[in-house]
Amino acid sequence: MKYASGVWLNLPSLGLSIRVLFTGFLLAAGFGLAMAGAQIMLTHGMADGKLGLSVDDIVYSYYGNRNNSKLETKLNGSMKDKASAEDRLEIIKWARNGAPEDQWDSHIEPLFQNNCVMCHSTIPGIPDFTKLEVVQDVAKIDEGADIGSLTRVSHIHLFGISFIFFFVGLIFSLSVGVPKWLKEVAILTPFLFLILDVISWWLTKFSPGFAWLTIIGGFGYTAASGFMWVTSLYQMWILPRNGKEYRVNAWQD
């Protein structure tokens, strides 16, 4: 795209209003991706009971911990701090015994009332632990994410994040001084690793040996999008603005 003066449109030569617009988007998108990473660390990252994302966390999230129930995995993982050790032990013993109905009213339901239902009855999208049948369902052997939820999260992830990568890549395409091959690789890489990330969920669901691909996918698109993010902000605000005309065709080079 060319200005009337003949100067090619690029990041260092943008007017203030466009720079503010692009910067606002990059800051909001960057903050959103950071919050998504924090959410992953606090949910999937605690699946094995330890802080930080590991291969075991990925396996437990998608393949499941097939030695335990989902309820036990959560109580020993991301929900460990939500109940006392004694209450958690009683609930786990009940789940391992098959979650019998005759112990619910007299002994187990009060434990859920004291520790769980303040969230698990009011927040949409999470199991309602005031209902015995719902609790019994999560007390079954943990087989990881079910096909329905995996399908739902996959299409939301692909549609939502690909739009972010599209606009980050579009802004970065206006950069100058970046080798042509590097620019093209950087723009394409987040999309490829995003697809790998989602495919790895499905592969791990059926075989835990593919869990490494999830970590590789997440690292790949984070590194590529981070490079474009930093480069774009640098060229808009820090690159010396000495009146030089950048006649680089940012759309075709």
Protein backbone atom coordinates (compact mmCIF):
# COMPACT_ATOMS: atom_id res chain seq x y z
CA MET A 1 0.00 0.00 0.00
CA LYS A 2 1.39 3.35 -1.04
CA TYR A 3 0.86 6.90 0.21
CA ALA A 4 0.25 9.66 -2.32
CA SER A 5 3.80 10.86 -1.66
CA GLY A 6 5.17 7.55 -2.91
CA VAL A 7 6.33 6.30 0.50
CA TRP A 8 5.39 2.70 1.14
CA LEU A 9 3.20 2.11 4.19
CA ASN A 10 5.31 0.63 6.98
CA LEU A 11 5.51 0.72 10.76
CA PRO A 12 8.11 3.49 11.21
CA SER A 13 6.21 5.85 8.91
CA LEU A 14 2.72 5.36 10.37
CA GLY A 15 0.78 8.35 11.65
CA LEU A 16 0.12 8.71 15.34
CA SER A 17 -3.52 7.60 15.25
CA ILE A 18 -2.70 4.34 13.43
CA ARG A 19 0.22 3.64 15.75
CA VAL A 20 -2.06 4.15 18.75
CA LEU A 21 -4.67 1.82 17.21
CA PHE A 22 -2.14 -0.92 16.46
CA THR A 23 -0.47 -0.52 19.85
CA GLY A 24 -3.78 -0.77 21.68
CA PHE A 25 -4.56 -4.02 19.91
CA LEU A 26 -1.10 -5.48 20.53
CA LEU A 27 -1.19 -4.59 24.23
CA ALA A 28 -4.68 -6.02 24.73
CA ALA A 29 -3.88 -9.18 22.75
CA GLY A 30 -0.59 -9.65 24.59
CA PHE A 31 -2.28 -9.24 27.96
CA GLY A 32 -5.01 -11.66 26.91
CA LEU A 33 -2.49 -14.32 25.87
CA ALA A 34 -0.63 -13.83 29.15
CA MET A 35 -3.87 -14.39 31.09
CA ALA A 36 -4.56 -17.49 28.99
CA GLY A 37 -1.13 -18.79 29.96
CA ALA A 38 -1.82 -18.09 33.64
CA GLN A 39 -5.15 -19.91 33.37
CA ILE A 40 -3.41 -22.93 31.85
CA MET A 41 -0.89 -22.97 34.69
CA LEU A 42 -3.63 -22.82 37.32
CA THR A 43 -5.77 -25.56 35.74
CA HIS A 44 -3.85 -27.98 33.51
CA GLY A 45 -0.58 -26.99 35.20
CA MET A 46 -1.80 -28.34 38.55
CA ALA A 47 -3.19 -31.63 37.24
CA ASP A 48 -0.31 -33.57 38.80
CA GLY A 49 -0.47 -31.59 42.03
CA LYS A 50 2.66 -29.55 41.26
CA LEU A 51 2.90 -25.97 40.05
CA GLY A 52 4.17 -25.63 36.48
CA LEU A 53 3.16 -27.29 33.24
CA SER A 54 4.65 -30.74 32.71
CA VAL A 55 4.12 -33.70 30.39
CA ASP A 56 2.21 -35.44 33.19
CA ASP A 57 -0.16 -32.46 33.40
CA ILE A 58 -0.95 -32.79 29.69
CA VAL A 59 -1.46 -36.54 30.00
CA TYR A 60 -3.79 -36.16 32.98
CA SER A 61 -5.78 -33.41 31.24
CA TYR A 62 -6.40 -35.21 27.93
CA TYR A 63 -5.66 -38.93 28.41
CA GLY A 64 -6.61 -38.95 32.06
CA ASN A 65 -5.09 -40.49 35.15
CA ARG A 66 -6.62 -43.93 34.73
CA ASN A 67 -5.55 -45.08 38.15
CA ASN A 68 -7.80 -42.50 39.80
CA SER A 69 -11.10 -40.69 39.35
CA LYS A 70 -11.35 -37.14 38.04
CA LEU A 71 -12.48 -36.18 41.51
CA GLU A 72 -9.37 -37.63 43.15
CA THR A 73 -7.07 -36.12 40.53
CA LYS A 74 -8.52 -32.66 41.15
CA LEU A 75 -8.44 -33.01 44.93
CA ASN A 76 -4.76 -33.92 44.75
CA GLY A 77 -4.08 -31.28 42.09
CA SER A 78 -5.61 -27.90 41.30
CA MET A 79 -8.25 -28.18 44.07
CA LYS A 80 -5.83 -29.32 46.75
CA ASP A 81 -6.02 -26.06 48.68
CA LYS A 82 -9.83 -25.92 48.65
CA ALA A 83 -10.37 -28.49 51.43
CA SER A 84 -8.53 -29.81 54.45
CA ALA A 85 -6.44 -32.95 54.18
CA GLU A 86 -8.95 -34.85 56.32
CA ASP A 87 -11.94 -33.86 54.19
CA ARG A 88 -10.10 -34.63 50.96
CA LEU A 89 -9.13 -38.08 52.27
CA GLU A 90 -12.74 -38.90 53.22
CA ILE A 91 -14.04 -37.87 49.78
CA ILE A 92 -11.30 -39.83 47.99
CA LYS A 93 -12.00 -42.98 50.05
CA TRP A 94 -15.70 -42.66 49.19
CA ALA A 95 -14.92 -42.28 45.48
CA ARG A 96 -12.57 -45.29 45.50
CA ASN A 97 -15.32 -47.37 47.11
CA GLY A 98 -17.59 -46.66 44.14
CA ALA A 99 -19.29 -43.49 45.48
CA PRO A 100 -22.11 -45.39 47.27
CA GLU A 101 -25.38 -43.52 47.57
CA ASP A 102 -26.08 -44.71 51.15
CA GLN A 103 -23.13 -42.64 52.48
CA TRP A 104 -24.03 -39.46 50.64
CA ASP A 105 -26.65 -37.81 52.87
CA SER A 106 -25.13 -38.75 56.19
CA HIS A 107 -21.44 -38.19 55.64
CA ILE A 108 -20.24 -37.08 52.20
CA GLU A 109 -22.71 -34.35 51.23
CA PRO A 110 -21.77 -32.15 54.25
CA LEU A 111 -18.12 -32.31 53.12
CA PHE A 112 -19.08 -31.00 49.68
CA GLN A 113 -21.30 -28.36 51.26
CA ASN A 114 -18.41 -27.11 53.40
CA ASN A 115 -15.71 -27.17 50.73
CA CYS A 116 -17.07 -27.26 47.20
CA VAL A 117 -20.59 -26.03 46.52
CA MET A 118 -19.82 -22.35 47.01
CA CYS A 119 -18.39 -22.57 43.48
CA HIS A 120 -19.77 -25.88 42.21
CA SER A 121 -23.36 -24.73 42.29
CA THR A 122 -23.14 -21.10 41.23
CA ILE A 123 -20.55 -20.87 38.44
CA PRO A 124 -21.85 -21.85 34.98
CA GLY A 125 -19.90 -24.50 33.11
CA ILE A 126 -18.53 -26.46 36.07
CA PRO A 127 -20.18 -29.54 37.69
CA ASP A 128 -23.01 -28.89 40.16
CA PHE A 129 -21.91 -30.74 43.31
CA THR A 130 -25.27 -30.37 45.03
CA LYS A 131 -26.45 -33.29 42.86
CA LEU A 132 -25.34 -36.81 43.76
CA GLU A 133 -25.43 -38.09 40.17
CA VAL A 134 -23.06 -35.32 39.06
CA VAL A 135 -20.61 -36.12 41.84
CA GLN A 136 -20.82 -39.85 41.05
CA ASP A 137 -19.96 -39.09 37.43
CA VAL A 138 -16.70 -37.30 38.32
CA ALA A 139 -15.95 -40.04 40.88
CA LYS A 140 -15.54 -42.53 38.00
CA ILE A 141 -12.11 -43.49 36.66
CA ASP A 142 -10.50 -40.44 35.04
CA GLU A 143 -10.33 -40.88 31.27
CA GLY A 144 -9.40 -37.26 30.61
CA ALA A 145 -11.30 -34.81 28.43
CA ASP A 146 -14.41 -36.22 26.81
CA ILE A 147 -14.92 -35.96 23.06
CA GLY A 148 -17.67 -33.35 23.36
CA SER A 149 -15.65 -30.93 25.46
CA LEU A 150 -12.52 -31.53 23.37
CA THR A 151 -14.43 -30.68 20.19
CA ARG A 152 -15.87 -27.53 21.75
CA VAL A 153 -12.54 -26.27 23.11
CA SER A 154 -10.74 -27.14 19.86
CA HIS A 155 -12.92 -25.01 17.62
CA ILE A 156 -12.99 -22.11 20.09
CA HIS A 157 -9.20 -22.25 20.39
CA LEU A 158 -8.65 -22.40 16.63
CA PHE A 159 -11.09 -19.64 15.73
CA GLY A 160 -10.23 -17.28 18.59
CA ILE A 161 -6.45 -17.45 18.61
CA SER A 162 -6.09 -17.60 14.83
CA PHE A 163 -7.81 -14.19 14.63
CA ILE A 164 -5.26 -12.80 17.10
CA PHE A 165 -2.38 -14.25 15.09
CA PHE A 166 -3.89 -12.86 11.88
CA PHE A 167 -3.93 -9.27 13.14
CA VAL A 168 -0.53 -9.55 14.86
CA GLY A 169 0.88 -10.92 11.58
CA LEU A 170 -0.84 -8.19 9.58
CA ILE A 171 0.74 -5.48 11.72
CA PHE A 172 4.13 -7.20 11.60
CA SER A 173 3.93 -7.44 7.79
CA LEU A 174 4.44 -3.65 7.77
CA SER A 175 7.82 -3.96 9.49
CA VAL A 176 11.03 -2.89 7.76
CA GLY A 177 14.55 -4.29 7.79
CA VAL A 178 13.40 -7.86 8.44
CA PRO A 179 14.68 -10.40 5.90
CA LYS A 180 11.95 -11.57 3.57
CA TRP A 181 12.31 -15.23 4.51
CA LEU A 182 12.24 -14.45 8.24
CA LYS A 183 9.14 -12.29 7.89
CA GLU A 184 7.28 -15.01 5.99
CA VAL A 185 8.34 -17.74 8.44
CA ALA A 186 7.39 -15.62 11.46
CA ILE A 187 3.92 -14.87 10.06
CA LEU A 188 3.17 -18.51 9.17
CA THR A 189 4.71 -20.22 12.22
CA PRO A 190 2.05 -19.35 14.85
CA PHE A 191 -0.71 -20.83 12.68
CA LEU A 192 1.22 -24.07 12.11
CA PHE A 193 2.03 -24.50 15.78
CA LEU A 194 -1.56 -23.64 16.76
CA ILE A 195 -2.81 -26.47 14.53
CA LEU A 196 -0.15 -28.79 15.98
CA ASP A 197 -1.24 -27.82 19.49
CA VAL A 198 -4.87 -28.74 18.89
CA ILE A 199 -4.02 -31.95 17.00
CA SER A 200 -1.79 -32.98 19.91
CA TRP A 201 -4.76 -32.81 22.30
CA TRP A 202 -6.60 -35.38 20.22
CA LEU A 203 -3.54 -37.60 19.81
CA THR A 204 -2.84 -37.47 23.57
CA LYS A 205 -6.47 -38.34 24.29
CA PHE A 206 -5.84 -41.75 22.71
CA SER A 207 -2.10 -42.17 23.41
CA PRO A 208 -0.20 -40.34 26.19
CA GLY A 209 3.05 -40.50 24.24
CA PHE A 210 1.96 -37.51 22.16
CA ALA A 211 1.82 -35.12 25.14
CA TRP A 212 5.18 -33.61 24.20
CA LEU A 213 3.62 -32.18 21.05
CA THR A 214 1.34 -29.97 23.14
CA ILE A 215 4.32 -28.34 24.85
CA ILE A 216 6.14 -27.93 21.53
CA GLY A 217 3.05 -26.38 19.91
CA GLY A 218 2.51 -23.91 22.73
CA PHE A 219 6.17 -22.90 22.85
CA GLY A 220 6.33 -22.52 19.06
CA TYR A 221 3.40 -20.15 18.63
CA THR A 222 4.34 -18.18 21.75
CA ALA A 223 7.90 -17.59 20.50
CA ALA A 224 6.85 -16.61 16.97
CA SER A 225 4.01 -14.32 18.02
CA GLY A 226 6.21 -12.80 20.75
CA PHE A 227 8.88 -11.97 18.16
CA MET A 228 6.32 -10.22 15.94
CA TRP A 229 4.79 -8.42 18.93
CA VAL A 230 8.10 -7.01 20.16
CA THR A 231 9.34 -6.12 16.67
CA SER A 232 6.13 -4.27 15.81
CA LEU A 233 6.11 -2.19 18.99
CA TYR A 234 9.81 -1.43 18.64
CA GLN A 235 9.46 -0.18 15.07
CA MET A 236 6.43 1.97 15.88
CA TRP A 237 7.78 3.68 18.98
CA ILE A 238 11.53 3.13 19.51
CA LEU A 239 13.08 2.92 16.03
CA PRO A 240 14.69 6.34 15.39
CA ARG A 241 12.15 8.58 13.67
CA ASN A 242 14.47 11.06 11.94
CA GLY A 243 12.28 11.88 8.97
CA LYS A 244 13.81 9.19 6.78
CA GLU A 245 11.45 7.86 4.13
CA TYR A 246 11.15 4.07 4.27
CA ARG A 247 10.55 3.01 0.70
CA VAL A 248 10.25 -0.67 1.53
CA ASN A 249 7.23 -2.42 0.07
CA ALA A 250 5.97 -4.00 3.28
CA TRP A 251 3.20 -5.87 1.47
CA GLN A 252 5.35 -7.56 -1.15
CA ASP A 253 8.88 -7.95 0.24
